[in-house]
Amino acid sequence: MEWAGKKILITGGTSGVGLALVHALHARALVSVCARNAEALRELEGSLGVKGFVCDFGVPSQAAGLLSRLAEEGLAPEVIINNAAIQTDVRLDDPFLDEATVVQEISVNLIAPLLLVRASLLHCPGTLRAVVNINSGLALSPKSTAASYCASKAGLRGFTKALRSQYVSESRGGPALQVFEVFLPLVDTPMTAGRGSGKLSAHEAVEAILRGVAADTEDIYVGKAKALALVHRLSPRLADALMRRMAGKIPK
């Protein structure tokens, strides 16, 4: 898929991988960015000329509302990059992890991407040409300290596969809607601050994402996620055991 000239929506675009995507794409495409941080969005609008939209995906109804606002301004996306995500890195029995936190995490990571794509397909038919879901290696093999995050990312994997299956064209022209999924390793972002070592930089992650999409690679495995995917393919039990071992070495 070519990026040039496309109307692109990047969710969670004010930090981490999302921000790196904004910097990489704003000069070659018409980029809209959504996030909760209004001040950060204003700074991006001023410095890069992108269009910012305040949106809290912890409230499911805001996904469809965002699409309506984009359409009203002539910015209905041709490409949606579902990047926004939050992770609560605690055990499921930790008192800190209350019900509201679990619901918010699953809403942001899974429900919002699904509703955003659904709203685009229903209300702007024929406009959306590609979806890029930013996932994690934890969708393949989970870790013990982020049950709701891992569940939401596994759900995102299921959503991606279902959407891809639904929109495969029977014609020789190829799929009516391209659906990409990116599996990231541990990336150096605010979400992973203080955890792990040997992290991939956000810039390196984005370079791999852009190369994969440009090459029409449906499942894009980045960095160490490639090795995890291979192990998981050969022996899911071994992959799970390796993730348990690694989780025990990562400082909290």
Protein backbone atom coordinates (compact mmCIF):
# COMPACT_ATOMS: atom_id res chain seq x y z
CA MET A 1 0.00 0.00 0.00
CA GLU A 2 1.20 3.49 -0.82
CA TRP A 3 1.09 6.06 1.99
CA ALA A 4 1.43 9.17 -0.18
CA GLY A 5 -1.62 11.39 -0.42
CA LYS A 6 -3.81 9.26 1.84
CA LYS A 7 -6.12 10.62 4.54
CA ILE A 8 -4.77 8.82 7.60
CA LEU A 9 -6.11 8.66 11.15
CA ILE A 10 -3.60 7.75 13.87
CA THR A 11 -5.06 7.01 17.29
CA GLY A 12 -2.97 7.62 20.39
CA GLY A 13 -0.68 9.83 18.33
CA THR A 14 0.79 12.12 20.99
CA SER A 15 3.41 9.76 22.46
CA GLY A 16 5.43 6.62 21.82
CA VAL A 17 4.92 4.71 18.58
CA GLY A 18 1.90 6.83 17.64
CA LEU A 19 3.90 10.05 17.83
CA ALA A 20 6.71 8.49 15.79
CA LEU A 21 4.13 7.50 13.16
CA VAL A 22 2.83 11.07 13.03
CA HIS A 23 6.35 12.42 12.46
CA ALA A 24 7.03 9.81 9.77
CA LEU A 25 3.80 10.33 7.81
CA HIS A 26 2.74 13.97 8.15
CA ALA A 27 4.85 15.20 5.22
CA ARG A 28 3.51 12.66 2.74
CA ALA A 29 -0.13 12.28 3.76
CA LEU A 30 -3.07 14.18 5.27
CA VAL A 31 -2.76 13.07 8.89
CA SER A 32 -5.39 13.36 11.61
CA VAL A 33 -4.43 12.51 15.18
CA CYS A 34 -6.65 11.64 18.11
CA ALA A 35 -5.67 11.42 21.77
CA ARG A 36 -6.85 12.45 25.22
CA ASN A 37 -4.16 15.12 25.67
CA ALA A 38 -5.56 18.35 24.21
CA GLU A 39 -2.40 20.36 24.85
CA ALA A 40 -0.19 17.82 23.10
CA LEU A 41 -2.58 17.80 20.14
CA ARG A 42 -2.41 21.59 19.86
CA GLU A 43 1.40 21.41 19.84
CA LEU A 44 1.32 18.87 17.00
CA GLU A 45 -1.12 20.99 15.03
CA GLY A 46 1.18 23.98 15.38
CA SER A 47 4.46 22.22 14.66
CA LEU A 48 3.49 19.66 12.01
CA GLY A 49 0.26 20.95 10.53
CA VAL A 50 -1.72 17.83 11.37
CA LYS A 51 -5.34 17.96 12.52
CA GLY A 52 -5.94 17.03 16.16
CA PHE A 53 -9.08 15.60 17.75
CA VAL A 54 -9.56 15.11 21.48
CA CYS A 55 -11.03 11.68 22.13
CA ASP A 56 -11.16 9.32 25.11
CA PHE A 57 -11.50 5.73 23.92
CA GLY A 58 -12.17 4.68 27.49
CA VAL A 59 -15.70 5.85 26.62
CA PRO A 60 -16.79 3.50 23.81
CA SER A 61 -19.30 5.91 22.26
CA GLN A 62 -16.52 8.38 21.48
CA ALA A 63 -15.16 6.15 18.71
CA ALA A 64 -18.21 6.66 16.49
CA GLY A 65 -18.36 10.31 17.53
CA LEU A 66 -14.78 10.79 16.34
CA LEU A 67 -15.61 9.34 12.94
CA SER A 68 -18.55 11.74 12.61
CA ARG A 69 -16.32 14.72 13.40
CA LEU A 70 -13.74 13.59 10.84
CA ALA A 71 -16.40 13.15 8.16
CA GLU A 72 -17.86 16.61 8.87
CA GLU A 73 -14.44 18.17 8.23
CA GLY A 74 -13.82 16.20 5.04
CA LEU A 75 -11.26 13.99 6.76
CA ALA A 76 -13.01 10.62 6.70
CA PRO A 77 -9.98 8.31 6.81
CA GLU A 78 -8.77 6.14 3.98
CA VAL A 79 -6.38 4.51 6.43
CA ILE A 80 -6.99 3.94 10.15
CA ILE A 81 -3.97 3.13 12.30
CA ASN A 82 -5.33 1.71 15.56
CA ASN A 83 -2.39 2.48 17.81
CA ALA A 84 -3.94 3.79 21.06
CA ALA A 85 -3.40 1.40 23.96
CA ILE A 86 -2.95 1.34 27.72
CA GLN A 87 -1.43 -1.33 29.92
CA THR A 88 -1.88 -1.93 33.63
CA ASP A 89 1.13 -4.03 34.59
CA VAL A 90 -0.13 -5.77 37.72
CA ARG A 91 -1.43 -9.20 38.68
CA LEU A 92 -5.15 -9.80 38.31
CA ASP A 93 -5.54 -10.15 42.10
CA ASP A 94 -3.81 -6.83 42.82
CA PRO A 95 -6.24 -4.48 44.66
CA PHE A 96 -5.08 -1.63 42.44
CA LEU A 97 -6.71 -3.32 39.45
CA ASP A 98 -10.33 -2.36 40.07
CA GLU A 99 -13.21 -3.09 37.71
CA ALA A 100 -13.15 0.39 36.16
CA THR A 101 -9.49 -0.01 35.24
CA VAL A 102 -10.11 -3.36 33.56
CA VAL A 103 -13.08 -2.00 31.59
CA GLN A 104 -11.11 1.07 30.49
CA GLU A 105 -8.17 -1.04 29.33
CA ILE A 106 -10.32 -3.36 27.23
CA SER A 107 -12.33 -0.42 25.87
CA VAL A 108 -9.23 1.45 24.68
CA ASN A 109 -7.34 -1.57 23.37
CA LEU A 110 -10.12 -3.58 21.74
CA ILE A 111 -13.63 -2.11 21.72
CA ALA A 112 -12.63 1.33 20.38
CA PRO A 113 -10.70 0.00 17.34
CA LEU A 114 -13.61 -2.28 16.46
CA LEU A 115 -16.22 0.48 16.80
CA LEU A 116 -14.07 3.00 14.93
CA VAL A 117 -13.65 0.70 11.95
CA ARG A 118 -17.34 -0.26 12.08
CA ALA A 119 -18.41 3.40 12.07
CA SER A 120 -16.16 4.11 9.10
CA LEU A 121 -17.50 1.19 7.08
CA LEU A 122 -21.14 2.04 7.88
CA HIS A 123 -21.15 5.81 7.60
CA CYS A 124 -18.45 6.45 5.00
CA PRO A 125 -18.88 3.43 2.70
CA GLY A 126 -16.15 2.98 0.12
CA THR A 127 -13.80 5.46 1.80
CA LEU A 128 -11.75 3.20 4.06
CA ARG A 129 -9.06 1.37 2.11
CA ALA A 130 -6.80 0.00 4.86
CA VAL A 131 -6.71 -0.75 8.58
CA VAL A 132 -3.43 -1.10 10.48
CA ASN A 133 -3.86 -2.64 13.94
CA ILE A 134 -0.86 -2.13 16.20
CA ASN A 135 -0.65 -5.25 18.33
CA SER A 136 1.87 -6.87 20.65
CA GLY A 137 3.76 -10.13 20.89
CA LEU A 138 1.70 -10.60 24.06
CA ALA A 139 -1.27 -11.37 21.83
CA LEU A 140 0.51 -14.64 21.01
CA SER A 141 1.89 -15.54 24.43
CA PRO A 142 0.72 -13.56 27.47
CA LYS A 143 2.58 -12.49 30.57
CA SER A 144 1.34 -13.01 34.11
CA THR A 145 1.23 -9.35 35.18
CA ALA A 146 -1.09 -7.93 32.52
CA ALA A 147 -4.08 -10.23 32.15
CA SER A 148 -6.56 -7.66 30.84
CA TYR A 149 -4.00 -6.13 28.47
CA CYS A 150 -3.05 -9.54 27.06
CA ALA A 151 -6.72 -10.48 26.73
CA SER A 152 -7.47 -7.27 24.85
CA LYS A 153 -4.53 -7.81 22.49
CA ALA A 154 -5.54 -11.41 21.84
CA GLY A 155 -9.01 -10.06 21.08
CA LEU A 156 -7.50 -7.52 18.68
CA ARG A 157 -5.84 -10.44 16.88
CA GLY A 158 -9.22 -12.14 16.51
CA PHE A 159 -10.84 -8.93 15.28
CA THR A 160 -8.08 -8.44 12.70
CA LYS A 161 -8.47 -11.95 11.31
CA ALA A 162 -12.27 -11.70 11.19
CA LEU A 163 -12.18 -8.31 9.45
CA ARG A 164 -9.61 -9.56 6.96
CA SER A 165 -11.74 -12.59 6.18
CA GLN A 166 -14.90 -10.51 5.79
CA TYR A 167 -13.40 -8.12 3.27
CA VAL A 168 -11.34 -10.40 1.06
CA SER A 169 -12.55 -9.73 -2.47
CA GLU A 170 -13.45 -12.62 -4.74
CA SER A 171 -12.25 -10.65 -7.74
CA ARG A 172 -8.75 -10.74 -9.14
CA GLY A 173 -8.26 -7.15 -8.12
CA GLY A 174 -7.35 -8.17 -4.59
CA PRO A 175 -8.95 -7.35 -1.23
CA ALA A 176 -11.54 -4.58 -1.04
CA LEU A 177 -10.07 -3.58 2.31
CA GLN A 178 -6.45 -4.23 3.25
CA VAL A 179 -6.05 -5.27 6.88
CA PHE A 180 -2.59 -5.20 8.42
CA GLU A 181 -1.51 -6.29 11.88
CA VAL A 182 1.75 -5.28 13.56
CA PHE A 183 3.24 -7.36 16.36
CA LEU A 184 5.64 -5.26 18.42
CA PRO A 185 8.24 -6.37 20.95
CA LEU A 186 9.05 -4.25 24.00
CA VAL A 187 9.40 -0.71 22.63
CA ASP A 188 10.88 2.24 24.51
CA THR A 189 7.76 4.32 25.15
CA PRO A 190 6.18 6.03 28.18
CA MET A 191 3.98 2.93 28.65
CA THR A 192 7.04 0.70 29.18
CA ALA A 193 9.08 3.16 31.27
CA GLY A 194 11.04 1.37 34.01
CA ARG A 195 10.43 -2.09 32.60
CA GLY A 196 12.75 -4.38 30.71
CA SER A 197 15.94 -3.79 28.73
CA GLY A 198 17.09 -4.04 25.14
CA LYS A 199 14.03 -2.14 23.99
CA LEU A 200 13.46 -1.18 20.40
CA SER A 201 13.18 2.55 19.81
CA ALA A 202 9.87 3.95 18.60
CA HIS A 203 11.63 5.19 15.47
CA GLU A 204 12.94 1.71 14.66
CA ALA A 205 9.50 0.21 15.25
CA VAL A 206 7.88 2.71 12.90
CA GLU A 207 10.45 2.11 10.16
CA ALA A 208 9.56 -1.60 10.29
CA ILE A 209 5.83 -0.83 10.23
CA LEU A 210 6.12 1.44 7.19
CA ARG A 211 8.27 -1.07 5.31
CA GLY A 212 5.83 -3.90 6.04
CA VAL A 213 2.76 -1.99 4.93
CA ALA A 214 4.52 -0.71 1.79
CA ALA A 215 5.35 -4.32 0.94
CA ASP A 216 1.71 -5.40 1.55
CA THR A 217 2.78 -7.75 4.35
CA GLU A 218 -0.41 -8.57 6.23
CA ASP A 219 1.21 -9.74 9.49
CA ILE A 220 4.22 -7.61 10.36
CA TYR A 221 6.46 -9.03 13.10
CA VAL A 222 8.92 -6.46 14.43
CA GLY A 223 12.22 -7.14 16.19
CA LYS A 224 12.08 -9.84 18.86
CA ALA A 225 8.41 -10.47 18.07
CA LYS A 226 9.64 -12.38 14.98
CA ALA A 227 11.41 -14.94 17.16
CA LEU A 228 8.43 -15.21 19.52
CA ALA A 229 6.10 -15.84 16.58
CA LEU A 230 8.38 -18.59 15.26
CA VAL A 231 8.59 -20.31 18.65
CA HIS A 232 4.83 -19.96 19.10
CA ARG A 233 4.22 -21.52 15.69
CA LEU A 234 6.43 -24.52 16.55
CA SER A 235 5.37 -24.92 20.18
CA PRO A 236 2.83 -22.60 21.83
CA ARG A 237 3.59 -24.23 25.20
CA LEU A 238 7.29 -23.41 24.88
CA ALA A 239 6.50 -19.82 23.88
CA ASP A 240 4.29 -19.42 26.96
CA ALA A 241 7.03 -20.88 29.18
CA LEU A 242 9.59 -18.45 27.75
CA MET A 243 7.28 -15.51 28.42
CA ARG A 244 6.79 -16.64 32.03
CA ARG A 245 10.54 -16.87 32.47
CA MET A 246 11.12 -13.42 30.95
CA ALA A 247 8.37 -11.86 33.09
CA GLY A 248 10.19 -13.02 36.19
CA LYS A 249 13.29 -11.09 35.14
CA ILE A 250 11.60 -7.80 34.30
CA PRO A 251 11.67 -5.30 37.18
CA LYS A 252 8.33 -3.91 38.26
